[in-house]
Every structure is written in C-alpha cells, then in structure tokens.
Amino acid sequence: CVLISDELNHASMIEGIRRGGGPKRVWKHNDLAHLEEL
C-alpha cells in the first residue's frame, strides 16, 4: 500500500507511515495538482 502524505503532517502520522514499512509519497502542502500527479 502506498501512503501519500501531506508534507506538513503531524509527527504521529509520519511515524505511523514509517512503521508501516511500505512505499510512501509526500505531496506539497494542500497542493491539489501535485497530489493528482502522484
């Protein structure tokens, strides 16, 4: 599962995504165009 995370997400979300061990992507804060690109 790919976790797509806003770049300003809280440390608890970042830690949960990291511990999940799967692929991740980071999208520019609230940037809809970048989110769609990913």
PDB file of all heavy atoms in Angstrom:
ATOM      1  N   CYS A   1       0.839  -1.201   0.000  1.00  0.00           N
ATOM      2  CA  CYS A   1       0.000   0.000   0.000  1.00  0.00           C
ATOM      3  C   CYS A   1       0.878   1.256   0.000  1.00  0.00           C
ATOM      4  O   CYS A   1       1.811   1.381   0.791  1.00  0.00           O
ATOM      5  CB  CYS A   1      -0.895  -0.003   1.234  1.00  0.00           C
ATOM      6  SG  CYS A   1      -1.966   1.433   1.376  1.00  0.00           S
ATOM      7  N   VAL A   2       0.561   2.207  -0.881  1.00  0.00           N
ATOM      8  CA  VAL A   2       1.297   3.465  -0.942  1.00  0.00           C
ATOM      9  C   VAL A   2       0.612   4.478  -0.023  1.00  0.00           C
ATOM     10  O   VAL A   2      -0.569   4.776  -0.188  1.00  0.00           O
ATOM     11  CB  VAL A   2       1.350   4.023  -2.377  1.00  0.00           C
ATOM     12  CG1 VAL A   2       2.160   5.324  -2.408  1.00  0.00           C
ATOM     13  CG2 VAL A   2       1.940   3.005  -3.331  1.00  0.00           C
ATOM     14  N   LEU A   3       1.356   5.010   0.933  1.00  0.00           N
ATOM     15  CA  LEU A   3       0.845   6.065   1.803  1.00  0.00           C
ATOM     16  C   LEU A   3       1.266   7.413   1.225  1.00  0.00           C
ATOM     17  O   LEU A   3       2.462   7.687   1.076  1.00  0.00           O
ATOM     18  CB  LEU A   3       1.394   5.911   3.215  1.00  0.00           C
ATOM     19  CG  LEU A   3       0.607   5.043   4.209  1.00  0.00           C
ATOM     20  CD1 LEU A   3      -0.740   5.649   4.528  1.00  0.00           C
ATOM     21  CD2 LEU A   3       0.462   3.624   3.717  1.00  0.00           C
ATOM     22  N   ILE A   4       0.288   8.241   0.880  1.00  0.00           N
ATOM     23  CA  ILE A   4       0.556   9.549   0.280  1.00  0.00           C
ATOM     24  C   ILE A   4       0.283  10.595   1.349  1.00  0.00           C
ATOM     25  O   ILE A   4      -0.859  10.816   1.755  1.00  0.00           O
ATOM     26  CB  ILE A   4      -0.333   9.768  -0.955  1.00  0.00           C
ATOM     27  CG1 ILE A   4      -0.190   8.584  -1.922  1.00  0.00           C
ATOM     28  CG2 ILE A   4       0.029  11.061  -1.655  1.00  0.00           C
ATOM     29  CD1 ILE A   4      -1.246   8.544  -3.000  1.00  0.00           C
ATOM     30  N   SER A   5       1.354  11.235   1.809  1.00  0.00           N
ATOM     31  CA  SER A   5       1.295  12.080   2.995  1.00  0.00           C
ATOM     32  C   SER A   5       1.518  13.550   2.651  1.00  0.00           C
ATOM     33  O   SER A   5       2.456  13.895   1.920  1.00  0.00           O
ATOM     34  CB  SER A   5       2.367  11.614   3.990  1.00  0.00           C
ATOM     35  OG  SER A   5       2.450  12.474   5.106  1.00  0.00           O
ATOM     36  N   ASP A   6       0.666  14.428   3.177  1.00  0.00           N
ATOM     37  CA  ASP A   6       0.917  15.869   3.068  1.00  0.00           C
ATOM     38  C   ASP A   6       2.237  16.187   3.761  1.00  0.00           C
ATOM     39  O   ASP A   6       2.555  15.643   4.816  1.00  0.00           O
ATOM     40  CB  ASP A   6      -0.230  16.650   3.720  1.00  0.00           C
ATOM     41  CG  ASP A   6      -0.106  18.144   3.536  1.00  0.00           C
ATOM     42  OD1 ASP A   6       0.747  18.759   4.213  1.00  0.00           O
ATOM     43  OD2 ASP A   6      -0.850  18.727   2.728  1.00  0.00           O
ATOM     44  N   GLU A   7       3.012  17.096   3.191  1.00  0.00           N
ATOM     45  CA  GLU A   7       4.360  17.367   3.706  1.00  0.00           C
ATOM     46  C   GLU A   7       4.360  17.982   5.102  1.00  0.00           C
ATOM     47  O   GLU A   7       5.380  17.942   5.798  1.00  0.00           O
ATOM     48  CB  GLU A   7       5.123  18.287   2.755  1.00  0.00           C
ATOM     49  CG  GLU A   7       4.559  19.691   2.634  1.00  0.00           C
ATOM     50  CD  GLU A   7       5.375  20.568   1.691  1.00  0.00           C
ATOM     51  OE1 GLU A   7       6.522  20.193   1.374  1.00  0.00           O
ATOM     52  OE2 GLU A   7       4.863  21.634   1.274  1.00  0.00           O
ATOM     53  N   LEU A   8       3.228  18.528   5.551  1.00  0.00           N
ATOM     54  CA  LEU A   8       3.171  19.131   6.881  1.00  0.00           C
ATOM     55  C   LEU A   8       2.442  18.272   7.901  1.00  0.00           C
ATOM     56  O   LEU A   8       2.080  18.747   8.980  1.00  0.00           O
ATOM     57  CB  LEU A   8       2.506  20.516   6.807  1.00  0.00           C
ATOM     58  CG  LEU A   8       3.259  21.591   6.017  1.00  0.00           C
ATOM     59  CD1 LEU A   8       2.572  22.940   6.183  1.00  0.00           C
ATOM     60  CD2 LEU A   8       4.719  21.685   6.446  1.00  0.00           C
ATOM     61  N   ASN A   9       2.252  16.997   7.581  1.00  0.00           N
ATOM     62  CA  ASN A   9       1.545  16.127   8.520  1.00  0.00           C
ATOM     63  C   ASN A   9       2.263  16.025   9.865  1.00  0.00           C
ATOM     64  O   ASN A   9       3.484  16.135   9.956  1.00  0.00           O
ATOM     65  CB  ASN A   9       1.376  14.726   7.923  1.00  0.00           C
ATOM     66  CG  ASN A   9       0.165  14.622   7.022  1.00  0.00           C
ATOM     67  OD1 ASN A   9      -0.721  15.481   7.040  1.00  0.00           O
ATOM     68  ND2 ASN A   9       0.102  13.574   6.217  1.00  0.00           N
ATOM     69  N   HIS A  10       1.473  15.751  10.888  1.00  0.00           N
ATOM     70  CA  HIS A  10       1.975  15.651  12.257  1.00  0.00           C
ATOM     71  C   HIS A  10       2.928  14.469  12.412  1.00  0.00           C
ATOM     72  O   HIS A  10       2.855  13.485  11.670  1.00  0.00           O
ATOM     73  CB  HIS A  10       0.787  15.479  13.211  1.00  0.00           C
ATOM     74  CG  HIS A  10       1.140  15.562  14.654  1.00  0.00           C
ATOM     75  ND1 HIS A  10       1.359  14.445  15.428  1.00  0.00           N
ATOM     76  CD2 HIS A  10       1.337  16.636  15.468  1.00  0.00           C
ATOM     77  CE1 HIS A  10       1.654  14.825  16.659  1.00  0.00           C
ATOM     78  NE2 HIS A  10       1.648  16.143  16.712  1.00  0.00           N
ATOM     79  N   ALA A  11       3.817  14.580  13.400  1.00  0.00           N
ATOM     80  CA  ALA A  11       4.818  13.530  13.654  1.00  0.00           C
ATOM     81  C   ALA A  11       4.182  12.161  13.869  1.00  0.00           C
ATOM     82  O   ALA A  11       4.755  11.131  13.486  1.00  0.00           O
ATOM     83  CB  ALA A  11       5.667  13.911  14.866  1.00  0.00           C
ATOM     84  N   SER A  12       2.997  12.111  14.454  1.00  0.00           N
ATOM     85  CA  SER A  12       2.336  10.826  14.706  1.00  0.00           C
ATOM     86  C   SER A  12       1.933  10.136  13.411  1.00  0.00           C
ATOM     87  O   SER A  12       2.003   8.897  13.298  1.00  0.00           O
ATOM     88  CB  SER A  12       1.098  11.036  15.580  1.00  0.00           C
ATOM     89  OG  SER A  12       0.211  11.970  14.993  1.00  0.00           O
ATOM     90  N   MET A  13       1.523  10.908  12.418  1.00  0.00           N
ATOM     91  CA  MET A  13       1.180  10.334  11.121  1.00  0.00           C
ATOM     92  C   MET A  13       2.443   9.863  10.403  1.00  0.00           C
ATOM     93  O   MET A  13       2.475   8.764   9.819  1.00  0.00           O
ATOM     94  CB  MET A  13       0.425  11.359  10.265  1.00  0.00           C
ATOM     95  CG  MET A  13      -0.854  11.838  10.911  1.00  0.00           C
ATOM     96  SD  MET A  13      -1.664  13.143   9.976  1.00  0.00           S
ATOM     97  CE  MET A  13      -2.441  12.211   8.687  1.00  0.00           C
ATOM     98  N   ILE A  14       3.478  10.686  10.472  1.00  0.00           N
ATOM     99  CA  ILE A  14       4.753  10.322   9.839  1.00  0.00           C
ATOM    100  C   ILE A  14       5.300   9.035  10.447  1.00  0.00           C
ATOM    101  O   ILE A  14       5.768   8.137   9.739  1.00  0.00           O
ATOM    102  CB  ILE A  14       5.759  11.475   9.988  1.00  0.00           C
ATOM    103  CG1 ILE A  14       5.265  12.699   9.203  1.00  0.00           C
ATOM    104  CG2 ILE A  14       7.149  11.054   9.526  1.00  0.00           C
ATOM    105  CD1 ILE A  14       6.011  13.972   9.516  1.00  0.00           C
ATOM    106  N   GLU A  15       5.214   8.911  11.765  1.00  0.00           N
ATOM    107  CA  GLU A  15       5.713   7.703  12.432  1.00  0.00           C
ATOM    108  C   GLU A  15       4.889   6.477  12.051  1.00  0.00           C
ATOM    109  O   GLU A  15       5.435   5.395  11.822  1.00  0.00           O
ATOM    110  CB  GLU A  15       5.685   7.902  13.949  1.00  0.00           C
ATOM    111  CG  GLU A  15       6.178   6.721  14.765  1.00  0.00           C
ATOM    112  CD  GLU A  15       7.644   6.372  14.547  1.00  0.00           C
ATOM    113  OE1 GLU A  15       8.371   7.176  13.920  1.00  0.00           O
ATOM    114  OE2 GLU A  15       8.068   5.285  15.000  1.00  0.00           O
ATOM    115  N   GLY A  16       3.571   6.634  11.978  1.00  0.00           N
ATOM    116  CA  GLY A  16       2.718   5.515  11.572  1.00  0.00           C
ATOM    117  C   GLY A  16       3.025   5.053  10.163  1.00  0.00           C
ATOM    118  O   GLY A  16       3.089   3.848   9.884  1.00  0.00           O
ATOM    119  N   ILE A  17       3.244   6.002   9.260  1.00  0.00           N
ATOM    120  CA  ILE A  17       3.581   5.671   7.871  1.00  0.00           C
ATOM    121  C   ILE A  17       4.940   4.974   7.820  1.00  0.00           C
ATOM    122  O   ILE A  17       5.121   3.976   7.121  1.00  0.00           O
ATOM    123  CB  ILE A  17       3.569   6.942   7.008  1.00  0.00           C
ATOM    124  CG1 ILE A  17       2.121   7.467   6.875  1.00  0.00           C
ATOM    125  CG2 ILE A  17       4.165   6.686   5.632  1.00  0.00           C
ATOM    126  CD1 ILE A  17       2.015   8.864   6.304  1.00  0.00           C
ATOM    127  N   ARG A  18       5.905   5.490   8.582  1.00  0.00           N
ATOM    128  CA  ARG A  18       7.243   4.890   8.613  1.00  0.00           C
ATOM    129  C   ARG A  18       7.187   3.454   9.131  1.00  0.00           C
ATOM    130  O   ARG A  18       7.802   2.549   8.556  1.00  0.00           O
ATOM    131  CB  ARG A  18       8.172   5.727   9.500  1.00  0.00           C
ATOM    132  CG  ARG A  18       9.626   5.262   9.497  1.00  0.00           C
ATOM    133  CD  ARG A  18      10.431   5.908  10.601  1.00  0.00           C
ATOM    134  NE  ARG A  18       9.997   5.463  11.912  1.00  0.00           N
ATOM    135  CZ  ARG A  18      10.351   4.298  12.463  1.00  0.00           C
ATOM    136  NH1 ARG A  18      11.121   3.448  11.804  1.00  0.00           N
ATOM    137  NH2 ARG A  18       9.918   3.975  13.664  1.00  0.00           N
ATOM    138  N   ARG A  19       6.450   3.248  10.205  1.00  0.00           N
ATOM    139  CA  ARG A  19       6.391   1.908  10.796  1.00  0.00           C
ATOM    140  C   ARG A  19       5.605   0.926   9.933  1.00  0.00           C
ATOM    141  O   ARG A  19       5.765  -0.286  10.063  1.00  0.00           O
ATOM    142  CB  ARG A  19       5.779   1.969  12.199  1.00  0.00           C
ATOM    143  CG  ARG A  19       6.693   2.620  13.218  1.00  0.00           C
ATOM    144  CD  ARG A  19       6.372   2.236  14.648  1.00  0.00           C
ATOM    145  NE  ARG A  19       4.964   2.264  14.951  1.00  0.00           N
ATOM    146  CZ  ARG A  19       4.217   1.183  15.152  1.00  0.00           C
ATOM    147  NH1 ARG A  19       4.739  -0.020  15.060  1.00  0.00           N
ATOM    148  NH2 ARG A  19       2.937   1.302  15.444  1.00  0.00           N
ATOM    149  N   GLY A  20       4.759   1.464   9.045  1.00  0.00           N
ATOM    150  CA  GLY A  20       4.034   0.575   8.136  1.00  0.00           C
ATOM    151  C   GLY A  20       4.959  -0.146   7.180  1.00  0.00           C
ATOM    152  O   GLY A  20       4.645  -1.240   6.704  1.00  0.00           O
ATOM    153  N   GLY A  21       6.106   0.474   6.898  1.00  0.00           N
ATOM    154  CA  GLY A  21       7.146  -0.187   6.109  1.00  0.00           C
ATOM    155  C   GLY A  21       6.912  -0.255   4.620  1.00  0.00           C
ATOM    156  O   GLY A  21       7.724  -0.831   3.889  1.00  0.00           O
ATOM    157  N   GLY A  22       5.842   0.336   4.133  1.00  0.00           N
ATOM    158  CA  GLY A  22       5.542   0.263   2.707  1.00  0.00           C
ATOM    159  C   GLY A  22       6.003   1.492   1.962  1.00  0.00           C
ATOM    160  O   GLY A  22       6.610   2.402   2.527  1.00  0.00           O
ATOM    161  N   PRO A  23       5.725   1.542   0.659  1.00  0.00           N
ATOM    162  CA  PRO A  23       6.107   2.714  -0.134  1.00  0.00           C
ATOM    163  C   PRO A  23       5.331   3.953   0.302  1.00  0.00           C
ATOM    164  O   PRO A  23       4.195   3.850   0.779  1.00  0.00           O
ATOM    165  CB  PRO A  23       5.744   2.312  -1.563  1.00  0.00           C
ATOM    166  CG  PRO A  23       4.716   1.232  -1.418  1.00  0.00           C
ATOM    167  CD  PRO A  23       5.038   0.509  -0.153  1.00  0.00           C
ATOM    168  N   LYS A  24       5.946   5.110   0.146  1.00  0.00           N
ATOM    169  CA  LYS A  24       5.263   6.354   0.511  1.00  0.00           C
ATOM    170  C   LYS A  24       5.593   7.440  -0.498  1.00  0.00           C
ATOM    171  O   LYS A  24       6.607   7.391  -1.196  1.00  0.00           O
ATOM    172  CB  LYS A  24       5.658   6.794   1.915  1.00  0.00           C
ATOM    173  CG  LYS A  24       7.103   7.233   2.041  1.00  0.00           C
ATOM    174  CD  LYS A  24       7.405   7.759   3.445  1.00  0.00           C
ATOM    175  CE  LYS A  24       8.862   8.218   3.540  1.00  0.00           C
ATOM    176  NZ  LYS A  24       9.199   8.726   4.870  1.00  0.00           N
ATOM    177  N   ARG A  25       4.725   8.411  -0.573  1.00  0.00           N
ATOM    178  CA  ARG A  25       4.936   9.606  -1.376  1.00  0.00           C
ATOM    179  C   ARG A  25       4.566  10.809  -0.505  1.00  0.00           C
ATOM    180  O   ARG A  25       3.691  10.713   0.352  1.00  0.00           O
ATOM    181  CB  ARG A  25       4.055   9.620  -2.633  1.00  0.00           C
ATOM    182  CG  ARG A  25       4.186   8.403  -3.530  1.00  0.00           C
ATOM    183  CD  ARG A  25       5.469   8.400  -4.336  1.00  0.00           C
ATOM    184  NE  ARG A  25       5.453   7.322  -5.311  1.00  0.00           N
ATOM    185  CZ  ARG A  25       5.803   6.064  -5.061  1.00  0.00           C
ATOM    186  NH1 ARG A  25       6.196   5.731  -3.830  1.00  0.00           N
ATOM    187  NH2 ARG A  25       5.763   5.141  -6.006  1.00  0.00           N
ATOM    188  N   VAL A  26       5.231  11.935  -0.739  1.00  0.00           N
ATOM    189  CA  VAL A  26       4.941  13.160   0.012  1.00  0.00           C
ATOM    190  C   VAL A  26       4.482  14.230  -0.969  1.00  0.00           C
ATOM    191  O   VAL A  26       5.169  14.514  -1.953  1.00  0.00           O
ATOM    192  CB  VAL A  26       6.185  13.644   0.789  1.00  0.00           C
ATOM    193  CG1 VAL A  26       5.873  14.954   1.515  1.00  0.00           C
ATOM    194  CG2 VAL A  26       6.640  12.578   1.790  1.00  0.00           C
ATOM    195  N   TRP A  27       3.312  14.796  -0.717  1.00  0.00           N
ATOM    196  CA  TRP A  27       2.804  15.828  -1.611  1.00  0.00           C
ATOM    197  C   TRP A  27       2.881  17.211  -0.972  1.00  0.00           C
ATOM    198  O   TRP A  27       2.802  17.350   0.245  1.00  0.00           O
ATOM    199  CB  TRP A  27       1.388  15.526  -2.094  1.00  0.00           C
ATOM    200  CG  TRP A  27       0.347  15.244  -1.060  1.00  0.00           C
ATOM    201  CD1 TRP A  27       0.288  14.194  -0.207  1.00  0.00           C
ATOM    202  CD2 TRP A  27      -0.833  16.012  -0.800  1.00  0.00           C
ATOM    203  NE1 TRP A  27      -0.838  14.255   0.561  1.00  0.00           N
ATOM    204  CE2 TRP A  27      -1.550  15.359   0.221  1.00  0.00           C
ATOM    205  CE3 TRP A  27      -1.367  17.180  -1.344  1.00  0.00           C
ATOM    206  CZ2 TRP A  27      -2.756  15.829   0.723  1.00  0.00           C
ATOM    207  CZ3 TRP A  27      -2.582  17.653  -0.845  1.00  0.00           C
ATOM    208  CH2 TRP A  27      -3.254  16.993   0.167  1.00  0.00           C
ATOM    209  N   LYS A  28       3.097  18.203  -1.823  1.00  0.00           N
ATOM    210  CA  LYS A  28       3.228  19.578  -1.358  1.00  0.00           C
ATOM    211  C   LYS A  28       1.956  19.990  -0.623  1.00  0.00           C
ATOM    212  O   LYS A  28       0.848  19.648  -1.039  1.00  0.00           O
ATOM    213  CB  LYS A  28       3.488  20.514  -2.541  1.00  0.00           C
ATOM    214  CG  LYS A  28       4.801  20.241  -3.250  1.00  0.00           C
ATOM    215  CD  LYS A  28       4.938  21.091  -4.506  1.00  0.00           C
ATOM    216  CE  LYS A  28       6.185  20.714  -5.297  1.00  0.00           C
ATOM    217  NZ  LYS A  28       6.273  21.458  -6.580  1.00  0.00           N
ATOM    218  N   HIS A  29       2.140  20.735   0.443  1.00  0.00           N
ATOM    219  CA  HIS A  29       1.046  21.041   1.362  1.00  0.00           C
ATOM    220  C   HIS A  29      -0.186  21.603   0.654  1.00  0.00           C
ATOM    221  O   HIS A  29      -0.126  22.660   0.006  1.00  0.00           O
ATOM    222  CB  HIS A  29       1.536  22.037   2.409  1.00  0.00           C
ATOM    223  CG  HIS A  29       0.496  22.415   3.404  1.00  0.00           C
ATOM    224  ND1 HIS A  29      -0.220  21.491   4.142  1.00  0.00           N
ATOM    225  CD2 HIS A  29       0.040  23.637   3.795  1.00  0.00           C
ATOM    226  CE1 HIS A  29      -1.064  22.113   4.932  1.00  0.00           C
ATOM    227  NE2 HIS A  29      -0.928  23.413   4.745  1.00  0.00           N
ATOM    228  N   ASN A  30      -1.279  20.834   0.749  1.00  0.00           N
ATOM    229  CA  ASN A  30      -2.580  21.237   0.201  1.00  0.00           C
ATOM    230  C   ASN A  30      -2.546  21.547  -1.296  1.00  0.00           C
ATOM    231  O   ASN A  30      -3.413  22.264  -1.806  1.00  0.00           O
ATOM    232  CB  ASN A  30      -3.145  22.448   0.956  1.00  0.00           C
ATOM    233  CG  ASN A  30      -3.674  22.075   2.338  1.00  0.00           C
ATOM    234  OD1 ASN A  30      -3.926  20.915   2.623  1.00  0.00           O
ATOM    235  ND2 ASN A  30      -3.839  23.069   3.191  1.00  0.00           N
ATOM    236  N   ASP A  31      -1.561  21.002  -2.009  1.00  0.00           N
ATOM    237  CA  ASP A  31      -1.390  21.269  -3.437  1.00  0.00           C
ATOM    238  C   ASP A  31      -2.108  20.178  -4.234  1.00  0.00           C
ATOM    239  O   ASP A  31      -1.598  19.069  -4.395  1.00  0.00           O
ATOM    240  CB  ASP A  31       0.102  21.301  -3.779  1.00  0.00           C
ATOM    241  CG  ASP A  31       0.382  21.729  -5.211  1.00  0.00           C
ATOM    242  OD1 ASP A  31      -0.414  21.388  -6.105  1.00  0.00           O
ATOM    243  OD2 ASP A  31       1.409  22.396  -5.445  1.00  0.00           O
ATOM    244  N   LEU A  32      -3.283  20.505  -4.742  1.00  0.00           N
ATOM    245  CA  LEU A  32      -4.106  19.503  -5.428  1.00  0.00           C
ATOM    246  C   LEU A  32      -3.459  19.007  -6.715  1.00  0.00           C
ATOM    247  O   LEU A  32      -3.564  17.814  -7.046  1.00  0.00           O
ATOM    248  CB  LEU A  32      -5.490  20.091  -5.722  1.00  0.00           C
ATOM    249  CG  LEU A  32      -6.339  20.444  -4.492  1.00  0.00           C
ATOM    250  CD1 LEU A  32      -7.596  21.183  -4.914  1.00  0.00           C
ATOM    251  CD2 LEU A  32      -6.699  19.187  -3.705  1.00  0.00           C
ATOM    252  N   ALA A  33      -2.792  19.891  -7.443  1.00  0.00           N
ATOM    253  CA  ALA A  33      -2.153  19.491  -8.701  1.00  0.00           C
ATOM    254  C   ALA A  33      -1.040  18.476  -8.431  1.00  0.00           C
ATOM    255  O   ALA A  33      -0.910  17.475  -9.151  1.00  0.00           O
ATOM    256  CB  ALA A  33      -1.599  20.710  -9.432  1.00  0.00           C
ATOM    257  N   HIS A  34      -0.248  18.720  -7.405  1.00  0.00           N
ATOM    258  CA  HIS A  34       0.832  17.780  -7.084  1.00  0.00           C
ATOM    259  C   HIS A  34       0.273  16.458  -6.583  1.00  0.00           C
ATOM    260  O   HIS A  34       0.787  15.385  -6.920  1.00  0.00           O
ATOM    261  CB  HIS A  34       1.774  18.392  -6.038  1.00  0.00           C
ATOM    262  CG  HIS A  34       3.000  17.572  -5.807  1.00  0.00           C
ATOM    263  ND1 HIS A  34       3.506  17.298  -4.560  1.00  0.00           N
ATOM    264  CD2 HIS A  34       3.831  16.925  -6.688  1.00  0.00           C
ATOM    265  CE1 HIS A  34       4.583  16.542  -4.667  1.00  0.00           C
ATOM    266  NE2 HIS A  34       4.799  16.299  -5.946  1.00  0.00           N
ATOM    267  N   LEU A  35      -0.793  16.522  -5.782  1.00  0.00           N
ATOM    268  CA  LEU A  35      -1.431  15.291  -5.313  1.00  0.00           C
ATOM    269  C   LEU A  35      -1.912  14.460  -6.498  1.00  0.00           C
ATOM    270  O   LEU A  35      -1.692  13.235  -6.540  1.00  0.00           O
ATOM    271  CB  LEU A  35      -2.599  15.620  -4.386  1.00  0.00           C
ATOM    272  CG  LEU A  35      -3.444  14.426  -3.924  1.00  0.00           C
ATOM    273  CD1 LEU A  35      -2.599  13.409  -3.167  1.00  0.00           C
ATOM    274  CD2 LEU A  35      -4.616  14.900  -3.079  1.00  0.00           C
ATOM    275  N   GLU A  36      -2.555  15.091  -7.469  1.00  0.00           N
ATOM    276  CA  GLU A  36      -3.049  14.341  -8.622  1.00  0.00           C
ATOM    277  C   GLU A  36      -1.895  13.749  -9.426  1.00  0.00           C
ATOM    278  O   GLU A  36      -1.982  12.609  -9.916  1.00  0.00           O
ATOM    279  CB  GLU A  36      -3.918  15.221  -9.520  1.00  0.00           C
ATOM    280  CG  GLU A  36      -4.498  14.453 -10.697  1.00  0.00           C
ATOM    281  CD  GLU A  36      -5.660  15.138 -11.359  1.00  0.00           C
ATOM    282  OE1 GLU A  36      -5.748  16.379 -11.286  1.00  0.00           O
ATOM    283  OE2 GLU A  36      -6.498  14.424 -11.971  1.00  0.00           O
ATOM    284  N   GLU A  37      -0.821  14.494  -9.531  1.00  0.00           N
ATOM    285  CA  GLU A  37       0.359  13.994 -10.243  1.00  0.00           C
ATOM    286  C   GLU A  37       0.877  12.703  -9.595  1.00  0.00           C
ATOM    287  O   GLU A  37       1.208  11.733 -10.295  1.00  0.00           O
ATOM    288  CB  GLU A  37       1.436  15.077 -10.225  1.00  0.00           C
ATOM    289  CG  GLU A  37       2.730  14.709 -10.930  1.00  0.00           C
ATOM    290  CD  GLU A  37       3.772  15.797 -10.767  1.00  0.00           C
ATOM    291  OE1 GLU A  37       3.415  16.994 -10.747  1.00  0.00           O
ATOM    292  OE2 GLU A  37       4.970  15.449 -10.633  1.00  0.00           O
ATOM    293  N   LEU A  38       0.927  12.690  -8.270  1.00  0.00           N
ATOM    294  CA  LEU A  38       1.396  11.494  -7.563  1.00  0.00           C
ATOM    295  C   LEU A  38       0.405  10.341  -7.719  1.00  0.00           C
ATOM    296  O   LEU A  38       0.808   9.186  -7.939  1.00  0.00           O
ATOM    297  CB  LEU A  38       1.609  11.812  -6.084  1.00  0.00           C
ATOM    298  CG  LEU A  38       2.748  12.766  -5.745  1.00  0.00           C
ATOM    299  CD1 LEU A  38       2.791  13.041  -4.248  1.00  0.00           C
ATOM    300  CD2 LEU A  38       4.080  12.199  -6.214  1.00  0.00           C
TER     301      LEU A  38
END
